[in-house]
Amino acid sequence: MISLLSDYESHFHKYLTLTQFQTLSILISLINQYRQVKIEKLAGYFPLPIQFDSRRKHIQRFLVLVGLSVPLIWFPIISAIITQEIPINTSLVVESEEFKYFGCNPEQYEYYATGVMQRW
């Protein structure tokens, strides 16, 4: 996933500031290293010299940025990967789903999953 960031760095910089891009890189590295996606766990590992609650809020604010939206950032990257990796005239099925989770607190969590399958 880190190579994906470096391969498409110019695309990310269209929508994210340098600091936001660095935050994305750090979060992806932490998720790869610790296999955790809970904000509280990531905040504990996040290398900012500020209090835990401030790190947690920083991550929460970051994850709802418009610049990280699926249509804006991720669909063009998925399209580029498909164009590079899949031969022309190949039949593909692309599926994208949005999952919403409503927790006990008033916060709403959204998850996106995209899959690409080649038809034979």
PDB file of N, CA and C in Angstrom:
ATOM      1  N   MET A   1       0.821  -1.193   0.000  1.00  0.00           N
ATOM      2  CA  MET A   1       0.000   0.000   0.000  1.00  0.00           C
ATOM      3  C   MET A   1       0.867   1.260   0.000  1.00  0.00           C
ATOM      4  N   ILE A   2       2.036   1.187   0.616  1.00  0.00           N
ATOM      5  CA  ILE A   2       2.932   2.350   0.630  1.00  0.00           C
ATOM      6  C   ILE A   2       3.397   2.653  -0.791  1.00  0.00           C
ATOM      7  N   SER A   3       3.662   1.621  -1.599  1.00  0.00           N
ATOM      8  CA  SER A   3       4.073   1.876  -2.978  1.00  0.00           C
ATOM      9  C   SER A   3       2.938   2.527  -3.760  1.00  0.00           C
ATOM     10  N   LEU A   4       1.706   2.199  -3.415  1.00  0.00           N
ATOM     11  CA  LEU A   4       0.565   2.855  -4.047  1.00  0.00           C
ATOM     12  C   LEU A   4       0.600   4.350  -3.783  1.00  0.00           C
ATOM     13  N   LEU A   5       0.939   4.730  -2.561  1.00  0.00           N
ATOM     14  CA  LEU A   5       1.048   6.156  -2.229  1.00  0.00           C
ATOM     15  C   LEU A   5       2.133   6.834  -3.043  1.00  0.00           C
ATOM     16  N   SER A   6       3.282   6.198  -3.155  1.00  0.00           N
ATOM     17  CA  SER A   6       4.372   6.820  -3.903  1.00  0.00           C
ATOM     18  C   SER A   6       4.078   6.832  -5.408  1.00  0.00           C
ATOM     19  N   ASP A   7       3.425   5.776  -5.914  1.00  0.00           N
ATOM     20  CA  ASP A   7       3.089   5.720  -7.339  1.00  0.00           C
ATOM     21  C   ASP A   7       2.103   6.812  -7.742  1.00  0.00           C
ATOM     22  N   TYR A   8       1.178   7.139  -6.866  1.00  0.00           N
ATOM     23  CA  TYR A   8       0.130   8.105  -7.180  1.00  0.00           C
ATOM     24  C   TYR A   8       0.230   9.374  -6.328  1.00  0.00           C
ATOM     25  N   GLU A   9       1.439   9.677  -5.903  1.00  0.00           N
ATOM     26  CA  GLU A   9       1.651  10.832  -5.029  1.00  0.00           C
ATOM     27  C   GLU A   9       1.157  12.126  -5.666  1.00  0.00           C
ATOM     28  N   SER A  10       1.400  12.321  -6.945  1.00  0.00           N
ATOM     29  CA  SER A  10       0.957  13.557  -7.600  1.00  0.00           C
ATOM     30  C   SER A  10      -0.569  13.662  -7.587  1.00  0.00           C
ATOM     31  N   HIS A  11      -1.247  12.535  -7.718  1.00  0.00           N
ATOM     32  CA  HIS A  11      -2.713  12.542  -7.652  1.00  0.00           C
ATOM     33  C   HIS A  11      -3.188  12.943  -6.254  1.00  0.00           C
ATOM     34  N   PHE A  12      -2.555  12.384  -5.235  1.00  0.00           N
ATOM     35  CA  PHE A  12      -2.937  12.724  -3.867  1.00  0.00           C
ATOM     36  C   PHE A  12      -2.692  14.198  -3.576  1.00  0.00           C
ATOM     37  N   HIS A  13      -1.603  14.744  -4.108  1.00  0.00           N
ATOM     38  CA  HIS A  13      -1.267  16.143  -3.830  1.00  0.00           C
ATOM     39  C   HIS A  13      -2.231  17.130  -4.493  1.00  0.00           C
ATOM     40  N   LYS A  14      -3.035  16.663  -5.447  1.00  0.00           N
ATOM     41  CA  LYS A  14      -4.060  17.535  -6.021  1.00  0.00           C
ATOM     42  C   LYS A  14      -5.131  17.867  -4.989  1.00  0.00           C
ATOM     43  N   TYR A  15      -5.386  16.937  -4.078  1.00  0.00           N
ATOM     44  CA  TYR A  15      -6.505  17.069  -3.146  1.00  0.00           C
ATOM     45  C   TYR A  15      -6.092  17.178  -1.683  1.00  0.00           C
ATOM     46  N   LEU A  16      -4.852  16.837  -1.373  1.00  0.00           N
ATOM     47  CA  LEU A  16      -4.380  16.869   0.011  1.00  0.00           C
ATOM     48  C   LEU A  16      -3.166  17.784   0.126  1.00  0.00           C
ATOM     49  N   THR A  17      -3.062  18.448   1.261  1.00  0.00           N
ATOM     50  CA  THR A  17      -1.862  19.235   1.528  1.00  0.00           C
ATOM     51  C   THR A  17      -0.723  18.275   1.854  1.00  0.00           C
ATOM     52  N   LEU A  18       0.481  18.799   1.946  1.00  0.00           N
ATOM     53  CA  LEU A  18       1.633  17.957   2.285  1.00  0.00           C
ATOM     54  C   LEU A  18       1.436  17.303   3.654  1.00  0.00           C
ATOM     55  N   THR A  19       0.959  18.060   4.613  1.00  0.00           N
ATOM     56  CA  THR A  19       0.730  17.525   5.960  1.00  0.00           C
ATOM     57  C   THR A  19      -0.332  16.438   5.940  1.00  0.00           C
ATOM     58  N   GLN A  20      -1.398  16.635   5.184  1.00  0.00           N
ATOM     59  CA  GLN A  20      -2.444  15.625   5.085  1.00  0.00           C
ATOM     60  C   GLN A  20      -1.922  14.358   4.403  1.00  0.00           C
ATOM     61  N   PHE A  21      -1.103  14.533   3.387  1.00  0.00           N
ATOM     62  CA  PHE A  21      -0.519  13.375   2.714  1.00  0.00           C
ATOM     63  C   PHE A  21       0.399  12.603   3.672  1.00  0.00           C
ATOM     64  N   GLN A  22       1.165  13.320   4.476  1.00  0.00           N
ATOM     65  CA  GLN A  22       2.038  12.664   5.451  1.00  0.00           C
ATOM     66  C   GLN A  22       1.213  11.921   6.499  1.00  0.00           C
ATOM     67  N   THR A  23       0.097  12.517   6.925  1.00  0.00           N
ATOM     68  CA  THR A  23      -0.786  11.856   7.876  1.00  0.00           C
ATOM     69  C   THR A  23      -1.345  10.573   7.272  1.00  0.00           C
ATOM     70  N   LEU A  24      -1.761  10.625   6.015  1.00  0.00           N
ATOM     71  CA  LEU A  24      -2.258   9.431   5.332  1.00  0.00           C
ATOM     72  C   LEU A  24      -1.176   8.353   5.266  1.00  0.00           C
ATOM     73  N   SER A  25       0.034   8.745   4.943  1.00  0.00           N
ATOM     74  CA  SER A  25       1.150   7.791   4.880  1.00  0.00           C
ATOM     75  C   SER A  25       1.401   7.142   6.233  1.00  0.00           C
ATOM     76  N   ILE A  26       1.386   7.948   7.276  1.00  0.00           N
ATOM     77  CA  ILE A  26       1.609   7.415   8.627  1.00  0.00           C
ATOM     78  C   ILE A  26       0.495   6.455   9.015  1.00  0.00           C
ATOM     79  N   LEU A  27      -0.756   6.840   8.758  1.00  0.00           N
ATOM     80  CA  LEU A  27      -1.877   5.967   9.114  1.00  0.00           C
ATOM     81  C   LEU A  27      -1.822   4.639   8.362  1.00  0.00           C
ATOM     82  N   ILE A  28      -1.503   4.686   7.093  1.00  0.00           N
ATOM     83  CA  ILE A  28      -1.407   3.443   6.319  1.00  0.00           C
ATOM     84  C   ILE A  28      -0.268   2.571   6.843  1.00  0.00           C
ATOM     85  N   SER A  29       0.850   3.188   7.196  1.00  0.00           N
ATOM     86  CA  SER A  29       1.971   2.426   7.772  1.00  0.00           C
ATOM     87  C   SER A  29       1.570   1.779   9.096  1.00  0.00           C
ATOM     88  N   LEU A  30       0.856   2.528   9.940  1.00  0.00           N
ATOM     89  CA  LEU A  30       0.432   1.989  11.236  1.00  0.00           C
ATOM     90  C   LEU A  30      -0.561   0.839  11.057  1.00  0.00           C
ATOM     91  N   ILE A  31      -1.488   0.995  10.113  1.00  0.00           N
ATOM     92  CA  ILE A  31      -2.464  -0.073   9.860  1.00  0.00           C
ATOM     93  C   ILE A  31      -1.745  -1.322   9.350  1.00  0.00           C
ATOM     94  N   ASN A  32      -0.780  -1.150   8.460  1.00  0.00           N
ATOM     95  CA  ASN A  32      -0.010  -2.302   7.962  1.00  0.00           C
ATOM     96  C   ASN A  32       0.810  -2.955   9.057  1.00  0.00           C
ATOM     97  N   GLN A  33       1.411  -2.150   9.912  1.00  0.00           N
ATOM     98  CA  GLN A  33       2.294  -2.685  10.947  1.00  0.00           C
ATOM     99  C   GLN A  33       1.523  -3.349  12.081  1.00  0.00           C
ATOM    100  N   TYR A  34       0.463  -2.688  12.578  1.00  0.00           N
ATOM    101  CA  TYR A  34      -0.237  -3.175  13.767  1.00  0.00           C
ATOM    102  C   TYR A  34      -1.539  -3.905  13.459  1.00  0.00           C
ATOM    103  N   ARG A  35      -1.962  -3.881  12.199  1.00  0.00           N
ATOM    104  CA  ARG A  35      -3.199  -4.558  11.787  1.00  0.00           C
ATOM    105  C   ARG A  35      -4.392  -4.100  12.622  1.00  0.00           C
ATOM    106  N   GLN A  36      -4.439  -2.826  12.909  1.00  0.00           N
ATOM    107  CA  GLN A  36      -5.524  -2.225  13.696  1.00  0.00           C
ATOM    108  C   GLN A  36      -6.151  -1.097  12.905  1.00  0.00           C
ATOM    109  N   VAL A  37      -7.469  -0.988  12.959  1.00  0.00           N
ATOM    110  CA  VAL A  37      -8.137   0.136  12.319  1.00  0.00           C
ATOM    111  C   VAL A  37      -8.984   0.932  13.306  1.00  0.00           C
ATOM    112  N   LYS A  38      -8.912   0.595  14.566  1.00  0.00           N
ATOM    113  CA  LYS A  38      -9.633   1.363  15.577  1.00  0.00           C
ATOM    114  C   LYS A  38      -8.894   2.676  15.825  1.00  0.00           C
ATOM    115  N   ILE A  39      -9.653   3.750  15.852  1.00  0.00           N
ATOM    116  CA  ILE A  39      -9.045   5.069  16.009  1.00  0.00           C
ATOM    117  C   ILE A  39      -8.275   5.160  17.319  1.00  0.00           C
ATOM    118  N   GLU A  40      -8.806   4.591  18.375  1.00  0.00           N
ATOM    119  CA  GLU A  40      -8.130   4.656  19.675  1.00  0.00           C
ATOM    120  C   GLU A  40      -6.771   3.956  19.628  1.00  0.00           C
ATOM    121  N   LYS A  41      -6.726   2.805  18.968  1.00  0.00           N
ATOM    122  CA  LYS A  41      -5.453   2.078  18.852  1.00  0.00           C
ATOM    123  C   LYS A  41      -4.466   2.863  17.990  1.00  0.00           C
ATOM    124  N   LEU A  42      -4.945   3.375  16.851  1.00  0.00           N
ATOM    125  CA  LEU A  42      -4.066   4.146  15.966  1.00  0.00           C
ATOM    126  C   LEU A  42      -3.555   5.403  16.663  1.00  0.00           C
ATOM    127  N   ALA A  43      -4.405   6.036  17.456  1.00  0.00           N
ATOM    128  CA  ALA A  43      -3.980   7.237  18.190  1.00  0.00           C
ATOM    129  C   ALA A  43      -2.876   6.901  19.184  1.00  0.00           C
ATOM    130  N   GLY A  44      -2.930   5.709  19.764  1.00  0.00           N
ATOM    131  CA  GLY A  44      -1.881   5.290  20.688  1.00  0.00           C
ATOM    132  C   GLY A  44      -0.539   5.099  19.996  1.00  0.00           C
ATOM    133  N   TYR A  45      -0.565   4.685  18.751  1.00  0.00           N
ATOM    134  CA  TYR A  45       0.661   4.455  17.991  1.00  0.00           C
ATOM    135  C   TYR A  45       1.123   5.673  17.206  1.00  0.00           C
ATOM    136  N   PHE A  46       0.219   6.639  16.992  1.00  0.00           N
ATOM    137  CA  PHE A  46       0.517   7.784  16.121  1.00  0.00           C
ATOM    138  C   PHE A  46       1.656   8.623  16.685  1.00  0.00           C
ATOM    139  N   PRO A  47       2.704   8.896  15.889  1.00  0.00           N
ATOM    140  CA  PRO A  47       3.911   9.561  16.404  1.00  0.00           C
ATOM    141  C   PRO A  47       3.824  11.092  16.438  1.00  0.00           C
ATOM    142  N   LEU A  48       2.851  11.617  17.154  1.00  0.00           N
ATOM    143  CA  LEU A  48       2.774  13.064  17.364  1.00  0.00           C
ATOM    144  C   LEU A  48       2.997  13.333  18.844  1.00  0.00           C
ATOM    145  N   PRO A  49       3.842  14.310  19.172  1.00  0.00           N
ATOM    146  CA  PRO A  49       4.143  14.570  20.586  1.00  0.00           C
ATOM    147  C   PRO A  49       3.058  15.414  21.261  1.00  0.00           C
ATOM    148  N   ILE A  50       1.811  14.925  21.183  1.00  0.00           N
ATOM    149  CA  ILE A  50       0.692  15.595  21.839  1.00  0.00           C
ATOM    150  C   ILE A  50      -0.077  14.560  22.641  1.00  0.00           C
ATOM    151  N   GLN A  51      -1.022  15.022  23.448  1.00  0.00           N
ATOM    152  CA  GLN A  51      -1.776  14.101  24.288  1.00  0.00           C
ATOM    153  C   GLN A  51      -2.599  13.129  23.454  1.00  0.00           C
ATOM    154  N   PHE A  52      -2.918  12.002  24.058  1.00  0.00           N
ATOM    155  CA  PHE A  52      -3.651  10.939  23.379  1.00  0.00           C
ATOM    156  C   PHE A  52      -4.968  11.451  22.790  1.00  0.00           C
ATOM    157  N   ASP A  53      -5.751  12.185  23.579  1.00  0.00           N
ATOM    158  CA  ASP A  53      -7.046  12.684  23.089  1.00  0.00           C
ATOM    159  C   ASP A  53      -6.877  13.608  21.890  1.00  0.00           C
ATOM    160  N   SER A  54      -5.823  14.405  21.898  1.00  0.00           N
ATOM    161  CA  SER A  54      -5.564  15.296  20.764  1.00  0.00           C
ATOM    162  C   SER A  54      -5.192  14.494  19.523  1.00  0.00           C
ATOM    163  N   ARG A  55      -4.426  13.429  19.692  1.00  0.00           N
ATOM    164  CA  ARG A  55      -4.085  12.565  18.550  1.00  0.00           C
ATOM    165  C   ARG A  55      -5.339  11.886  17.998  1.00  0.00           C
ATOM    166  N   ARG A  56      -6.199  11.426  18.906  1.00  0.00           N
ATOM    167  CA  ARG A  56      -7.444  10.779  18.487  1.00  0.00           C
ATOM    168  C   ARG A  56      -8.317  11.752  17.698  1.00  0.00           C
ATOM    169  N   LYS A  57      -8.466  12.964  18.193  1.00  0.00           N
ATOM    170  CA  LYS A  57      -9.270  13.976  17.491  1.00  0.00           C
ATOM    171  C   LYS A  57      -8.637  14.356  16.152  1.00  0.00           C
ATOM    172  N   HIS A  58      -7.310  14.417  16.117  1.00  0.00           N
ATOM    173  CA  HIS A  58      -6.598  14.716  14.869  1.00  0.00           C
ATOM    174  C   HIS A  58      -6.928  13.661  13.809  1.00  0.00           C
ATOM    175  N   ILE A  59      -6.896  12.399  14.190  1.00  0.00           N
ATOM    176  CA  ILE A  59      -7.194  11.313  13.259  1.00  0.00           C
ATOM    177  C   ILE A  59      -8.659  11.368  12.828  1.00  0.00           C
ATOM    178  N   GLN A  60      -9.560  11.615  13.772  1.00  0.00           N
ATOM    179  CA  GLN A  60     -10.983  11.699  13.430  1.00  0.00           C
ATOM    180  C   GLN A  60     -11.249  12.830  12.445  1.00  0.00           C
ATOM    181  N   ARG A  61     -10.674  13.990  12.680  1.00  0.00           N
ATOM    182  CA  ARG A  61     -10.865  15.119  11.765  1.00  0.00           C
ATOM    183  C   ARG A  61     -10.264  14.816  10.396  1.00  0.00           C
ATOM    184  N   PHE A  62      -9.140  14.143  10.389  1.00  0.00           N
ATOM    185  CA  PHE A  62      -8.474  13.810   9.134  1.00  0.00           C
ATOM    186  C   PHE A  62      -9.331  12.871   8.286  1.00  0.00           C
ATOM    187  N   LEU A  63      -9.927  11.870   8.905  1.00  0.00           N
ATOM    188  CA  LEU A  63     -10.657  10.848   8.164  1.00  0.00           C
ATOM    189  C   LEU A  63     -11.945  11.349   7.518  1.00  0.00           C
ATOM    190  N   VAL A  64     -12.440  12.496   7.934  1.00  0.00           N
ATOM    191  CA  VAL A  64     -13.662  13.030   7.324  1.00  0.00           C
ATOM    192  C   VAL A  64     -13.367  14.161   6.333  1.00  0.00           C
ATOM    193  N   LEU A  65     -12.120  14.344   5.958  1.00  0.00           N
ATOM    194  CA  LEU A  65     -11.774  15.375   4.984  1.00  0.00           C
ATOM    195  C   LEU A  65     -12.435  15.091   3.641  1.00  0.00           C
ATOM    196  N   VAL A  66     -12.873  16.139   2.989  1.00  0.00           N
ATOM    197  CA  VAL A  66     -13.455  16.007   1.652  1.00  0.00           C
ATOM    198  C   VAL A  66     -12.410  15.454   0.678  1.00  0.00           C
ATOM    199  N   GLY A  67     -11.149  15.818   0.882  1.00  0.00           N
ATOM    200  CA  GLY A  67     -10.081  15.364   0.003  1.00  0.00           C
ATOM    201  C   GLY A  67      -9.850  13.871   0.024  1.00  0.00           C
ATOM    202  N   LEU A  68     -10.407  13.168   1.009  1.00  0.00           N
ATOM    203  CA  LEU A  68     -10.262  11.711   1.089  1.00  0.00           C
ATOM    204  C   LEU A  68     -11.494  10.979   0.566  1.00  0.00           C
ATOM    205  N   SER A  69     -12.412  11.682  -0.061  1.00  0.00           N
ATOM    206  CA  SER A  69     -13.643  11.051  -0.507  1.00  0.00           C
ATOM    207  C   SER A  69     -13.356   9.976  -1.553  1.00  0.00           C
ATOM    208  N   VAL A  70     -14.189   8.974  -1.564  1.00  0.00           N
ATOM    209  CA  VAL A  70     -14.000   7.834  -2.468  1.00  0.00           C
ATOM    210  C   VAL A  70     -14.038   8.266  -3.935  1.00  0.00           C
ATOM    211  N   PRO A  71     -15.055   9.029  -4.376  1.00  0.00           N
ATOM    212  CA  PRO A  71     -15.064   9.402  -5.802  1.00  0.00           C
ATOM    213  C   PRO A  71     -13.899  10.304  -6.203  1.00  0.00           C
ATOM    214  N   LEU A  72     -13.464  11.150  -5.313  1.00  0.00           N
ATOM    215  CA  LEU A  72     -12.428  12.120  -5.637  1.00  0.00           C
ATOM    216  C   LEU A  72     -11.040  11.492  -5.697  1.00  0.00           C
ATOM    217  N   ILE A  73     -10.687  10.720  -4.696  1.00  0.00           N
ATOM    218  CA  ILE A  73      -9.327  10.172  -4.582  1.00  0.00           C
ATOM    219  C   ILE A  73      -9.237   8.735  -5.084  1.00  0.00           C
ATOM    220  N   TRP A  74     -10.078   7.869  -4.571  1.00  0.00           N
ATOM    221  CA  TRP A  74      -9.862   6.438  -4.734  1.00  0.00           C
ATOM    222  C   TRP A  74     -10.340   5.879  -6.069  1.00  0.00           C
ATOM    223  N   PHE A  75     -11.484   6.315  -6.600  1.00  0.00           N
ATOM    224  CA  PHE A  75     -11.950   5.777  -7.880  1.00  0.00           C
ATOM    225  C   PHE A  75     -10.976   6.051  -9.024  1.00  0.00           C
ATOM    226  N   PRO A  76     -10.391   7.253  -9.147  1.00  0.00           N
ATOM    227  CA  PRO A  76      -9.405   7.455 -10.214  1.00  0.00           C
ATOM    228  C   PRO A  76      -8.179   6.545 -10.087  1.00  0.00           C
ATOM    229  N   ILE A  77      -7.767   6.265  -8.852  1.00  0.00           N
ATOM    230  CA  ILE A  77      -6.622   5.376  -8.642  1.00  0.00           C
ATOM    231  C   ILE A  77      -6.982   3.944  -9.030  1.00  0.00           C
ATOM    232  N   ILE A  78      -8.166   3.490  -8.618  1.00  0.00           N
ATOM    233  CA  ILE A  78      -8.615   2.144  -8.983  1.00  0.00           C
ATOM    234  C   ILE A  78      -8.716   2.028 -10.499  1.00  0.00           C
ATOM    235  N   SER A  79      -9.250   3.058 -11.144  1.00  0.00           N
ATOM    236  CA  SER A  79      -9.358   3.073 -12.604  1.00  0.00           C
ATOM    237  C   SER A  79      -7.978   2.986 -13.258  1.00  0.00           C
ATOM    238  N   ALA A  80      -7.008   3.728 -12.737  1.00  0.00           N
ATOM    239  CA  ALA A  80      -5.648   3.691 -13.294  1.00  0.00           C
ATOM    240  C   ALA A  80      -5.019   2.311 -13.121  1.00  0.00           C
ATOM    241  N   ILE A  81      -5.229   1.690 -11.978  1.00  0.00           N
ATOM    242  CA  ILE A  81      -4.674   0.353 -11.736  1.00  0.00           C
ATOM    243  C   ILE A  81      -5.296  -0.655 -12.697  1.00  0.00           C
ATOM    244  N   ILE A  82      -6.617  -0.569 -12.886  1.00  0.00           N
ATOM    245  CA  ILE A  82      -7.291  -1.482 -13.810  1.00  0.00           C
ATOM    246  C   ILE A  82      -6.750  -1.289 -15.221  1.00  0.00           C
ATOM    247  N   THR A  83      -6.599  -0.031 -15.633  1.00  0.00           N
ATOM    248  CA  THR A  83      -6.102   0.264 -16.978  1.00  0.00           C
ATOM    249  C   THR A  83      -4.695  -0.295 -17.179  1.00  0.00           C
ATOM    250  N   GLN A  84      -3.854  -0.219 -16.153  1.00  0.00           N
ATOM    251  CA  GLN A  84      -2.470  -0.690 -16.265  1.00  0.00           C
ATOM    252  C   GLN A  84      -2.356  -2.212 -16.184  1.00  0.00           C
ATOM    253  N   GLU A  85      -3.177  -2.835 -15.363  1.00  0.00           N
ATOM    254  CA  GLU A  85      -2.982  -4.249 -15.049  1.00  0.00           C
ATOM    255  C   GLU A  85      -3.846  -5.219 -15.840  1.00  0.00           C
ATOM    256  N   ILE A  86      -4.969  -4.760 -16.360  1.00  0.00           N
ATOM    257  CA  ILE A  86      -5.916  -5.658 -17.018  1.00  0.00           C
ATOM    258  C   ILE A  86      -5.834  -5.468 -18.534  1.00  0.00           C
ATOM    259  N   PRO A  87      -5.731  -6.535 -19.302  1.00  0.00           N
ATOM    260  CA  PRO A  87      -5.654  -6.410 -20.755  1.00  0.00           C
ATOM    261  C   PRO A  87      -6.924  -5.780 -21.346  1.00  0.00           C
ATOM    262  N   ILE A  88      -6.756  -5.119 -22.483  1.00  0.00           N
ATOM    263  CA  ILE A  88      -7.886  -4.502 -23.179  1.00  0.00           C
ATOM    264  C   ILE A  88      -8.854  -5.599 -23.631  1.00  0.00           C
ATOM    265  N   ASN A  89     -10.130  -5.275 -23.689  1.00  0.00           N
ATOM    266  CA  ASN A  89     -11.207  -6.187 -24.086  1.00  0.00           C
ATOM    267  C   ASN A  89     -11.426  -7.316 -23.087  1.00  0.00           C
ATOM    268  N   THR A  90     -11.027  -7.117 -21.848  1.00  0.00           N
ATOM    269  CA  THR A  90     -11.287  -8.077 -20.791  1.00  0.00           C
ATOM    270  C   THR A  90     -12.563  -7.654 -20.081  1.00  0.00           C
ATOM    271  N   SER A  91     -13.415  -8.603 -19.805  1.00  0.00           N
ATOM    272  CA  SER A  91     -14.666  -8.313 -19.121  1.00  0.00           C
ATOM    273  C   SER A  91     -14.414  -8.258 -17.615  1.00  0.00           C
ATOM    274  N   LEU A  92     -14.831  -7.162 -16.997  1.00  0.00           N
ATOM    275  CA  LEU A  92     -14.619  -6.979 -15.565  1.00  0.00           C
ATOM    276  C   LEU A  92     -15.940  -6.725 -14.851  1.00  0.00           C
ATOM    277  N   VAL A  93     -15.968  -7.107 -13.602  1.00  0.00           N
ATOM    278  CA  VAL A  93     -17.076  -6.762 -12.727  1.00  0.00           C
ATOM    279  C   VAL A  93     -16.480  -5.920 -11.608  1.00  0.00           C
ATOM    280  N   VAL A  94     -16.966  -4.696 -11.471  1.00  0.00           N
ATOM    281  CA  VAL A  94     -16.496  -3.805 -10.411  1.00  0.00           C
ATOM    282  C   VAL A  94     -17.649  -3.591  -9.448  1.00  0.00           C
ATOM    283  N   GLU A  95     -17.402  -3.876  -8.204  1.00  0.00           N
ATOM    284  CA  GLU A  95     -18.439  -3.739  -7.198  1.00  0.00           C
ATOM    285  C   GLU A  95     -17.942  -2.808  -6.112  1.00  0.00           C
ATOM    286  N   SER A  96     -18.789  -1.891  -5.727  1.00  0.00           N
ATOM    287  CA  SER A  96     -18.442  -0.955  -4.664  1.00  0.00           C
ATOM    288  C   SER A  96     -19.610  -0.892  -3.700  1.00  0.00           C
ATOM    289  N   GLU A  97     -19.319  -1.003  -2.434  1.00  0.00           N
ATOM    290  CA  GLU A  97     -20.367  -0.962  -1.424  1.00  0.00           C
ATOM    291  C   GLU A  97     -19.999   0.021  -0.334  1.00  0.00           C
ATOM    292  N   GLU A  98     -21.018   0.589   0.236  1.00  0.00           N
ATOM    293  CA  GLU A  98     -20.839   1.500   1.368  1.00  0.00           C
ATOM    294  C   GLU A  98     -21.543   0.875   2.559  1.00  0.00           C
ATOM    295  N   PHE A  99     -20.830   0.771   3.660  1.00  0.00           N
ATOM    296  CA  PHE A  99     -21.389   0.220   4.884  1.00  0.00           C
ATOM    297  C   PHE A  99     -21.491   1.352   5.895  1.00  0.00           C
ATOM    298  N   LYS A 100     -22.625   1.445   6.548  1.00  0.00           N
ATOM    299  CA  LYS A 100     -22.782   2.454   7.590  1.00  0.00           C
ATOM    300  C   LYS A 100     -23.025   1.750   8.907  1.00  0.00           C
ATOM    301  N   TYR A 101     -22.365   2.246   9.924  1.00  0.00           N
ATOM    302  CA  TYR A 101     -22.499   1.668  11.251  1.00  0.00           C
ATOM    303  C   TYR A 101     -22.863   2.792  12.210  1.00  0.00           C
ATOM    304  N   PHE A 102     -23.900   2.578  12.957  1.00  0.00           N
ATOM    305  CA  PHE A 102     -24.301   3.552  13.963  1.00  0.00           C
ATOM    306  C   PHE A 102     -23.995   2.957  15.321  1.00  0.00           C
ATOM    307  N   GLY A 103     -23.078   3.585  16.030  1.00  0.00           N
ATOM    308  CA  GLY A 103     -22.669   3.088  17.329  1.00  0.00           C
ATOM    309  C   GLY A 103     -23.587   3.590  18.438  1.00  0.00           C
ATOM    310  N   CYS A 104     -23.193   3.305  19.657  1.00  0.00           N
ATOM    311  CA  CYS A 104     -23.972   3.747  20.810  1.00  0.00           C
ATOM    312  C   CYS A 104     -23.915   5.268  20.971  1.00  0.00           C
ATOM    313  N   ASN A 105     -22.808   5.859  20.600  1.00  0.00           N
ATOM    314  CA  ASN A 105     -22.698   7.312  20.663  1.00  0.00           C
ATOM    315  C   ASN A 105     -23.250   7.895  19.365  1.00  0.00           C
ATOM    316  N   PRO A 106     -23.418   9.201  19.282  1.00  0.00           N
ATOM    317  CA  PRO A 106     -24.046   9.783  18.094  1.00  0.00           C
ATOM    318  C   PRO A 106     -23.190   9.757  16.830  1.00  0.00           C
ATOM    319  N   GLU A 107     -22.006   9.221  16.891  1.00  0.00           N
ATOM    320  CA  GLU A 107     -21.132   9.198  15.724  1.00  0.00           C
ATOM    321  C   GLU A 107     -21.566   8.115  14.746  1.00  0.00           C
ATOM    322  N   GLN A 108     -21.406   8.396  13.491  1.00  0.00           N
ATOM    323  CA  GLN A 108     -21.720   7.445  12.431  1.00  0.00           C
ATOM    324  C   GLN A 108     -20.416   7.086  11.734  1.00  0.00           C
ATOM    325  N   TYR A 109     -20.203   5.819  11.493  1.00  0.00           N
ATOM    326  CA  TYR A 109     -19.000   5.371  10.817  1.00  0.00           C
ATOM    327  C   TYR A 109     -19.387   4.849   9.441  1.00  0.00           C
ATOM    328  N   GLU A 110     -18.603   5.188   8.437  1.00  0.00           N
ATOM    329  CA  GLU A 110     -18.854   4.709   7.092  1.00  0.00           C
ATOM    330  C   GLU A 110     -17.631   3.946   6.603  1.00  0.00           C
ATOM    331  N   TYR A 111     -17.862   2.830   5.966  1.00  0.00           N
ATOM    332  CA  TYR A 111     -16.799   2.013   5.407  1.00  0.00           C
ATOM    333  C   TYR A 111     -17.098   1.799   3.933  1.00  0.00           C
ATOM    334  N   TYR A 112     -16.082   1.798   3.132  1.00  0.00           N
ATOM    335  CA  TYR A 112     -16.254   1.569   1.700  1.00  0.00           C
ATOM    336  C   TYR A 112     -15.424   0.360   1.307  1.00  0.00           C
ATOM    337  N   ALA A 113     -15.979  -0.452   0.455  1.00  0.00           N
ATOM    338  CA  ALA A 113     -15.241  -1.607  -0.058  1.00  0.00           C
ATOM    339  C   ALA A 113     -15.441  -1.662  -1.567  1.00  0.00           C
ATOM    340  N   THR A 114     -14.357  -1.859  -2.272  1.00  0.00           N
ATOM    341  CA  THR A 114     -14.425  -1.972  -3.722  1.00  0.00           C
ATOM    342  C   THR A 114     -13.703  -3.238  -4.143  1.00  0.00           C
ATOM    343  N   GLY A 115     -14.331  -3.984  -5.020  1.00  0.00           N
ATOM    344  CA  GLY A 115     -13.718  -5.209  -5.526  1.00  0.00           C
ATOM    345  C   GLY A 115     -13.759  -5.232  -7.038  1.00  0.00           C
ATOM    346  N   VAL A 116     -12.733  -5.785  -7.635  1.00  0.00           N
ATOM    347  CA  VAL A 116     -12.670  -5.924  -9.094  1.00  0.00           C
ATOM    348  C   VAL A 116     -12.408  -7.392  -9.389  1.00  0.00           C
ATOM    349  N   MET A 117     -13.272  -7.961 -10.234  1.00  0.00           N
ATOM    350  CA  MET A 117     -13.125  -9.370 -10.597  1.00  0.00           C
ATOM    351  C   MET A 117     -13.071  -9.475 -12.116  1.00  0.00           C
ATOM    352  N   GLN A 118     -12.218 -10.350 -12.596  1.00  0.00           N
ATOM    353  CA  GLN A 118     -12.097 -10.572 -14.036  1.00  0.00           C
ATOM    354  C   GLN A 118     -12.987 -11.749 -14.428  1.00  0.00           C
ATOM    355  N   ARG A 119     -13.783 -11.521 -15.458  1.00  0.00           N
ATOM    356  CA  ARG A 119     -14.632 -12.614 -15.963  1.00  0.00           C
ATOM    357  C   ARG A 119     -13.866 -13.416 -16.996  1.00  0.00           C
ATOM    358  N   TRP A 120     -14.016 -14.707 -16.956  1.00  0.00           N
ATOM    359  CA  TRP A 120     -13.326 -15.577 -17.916  1.00  0.00           C
ATOM    360  C   TRP A 120     -14.280 -16.043 -18.970  1.00  0.00           C
TER     361      TRP A 120
END
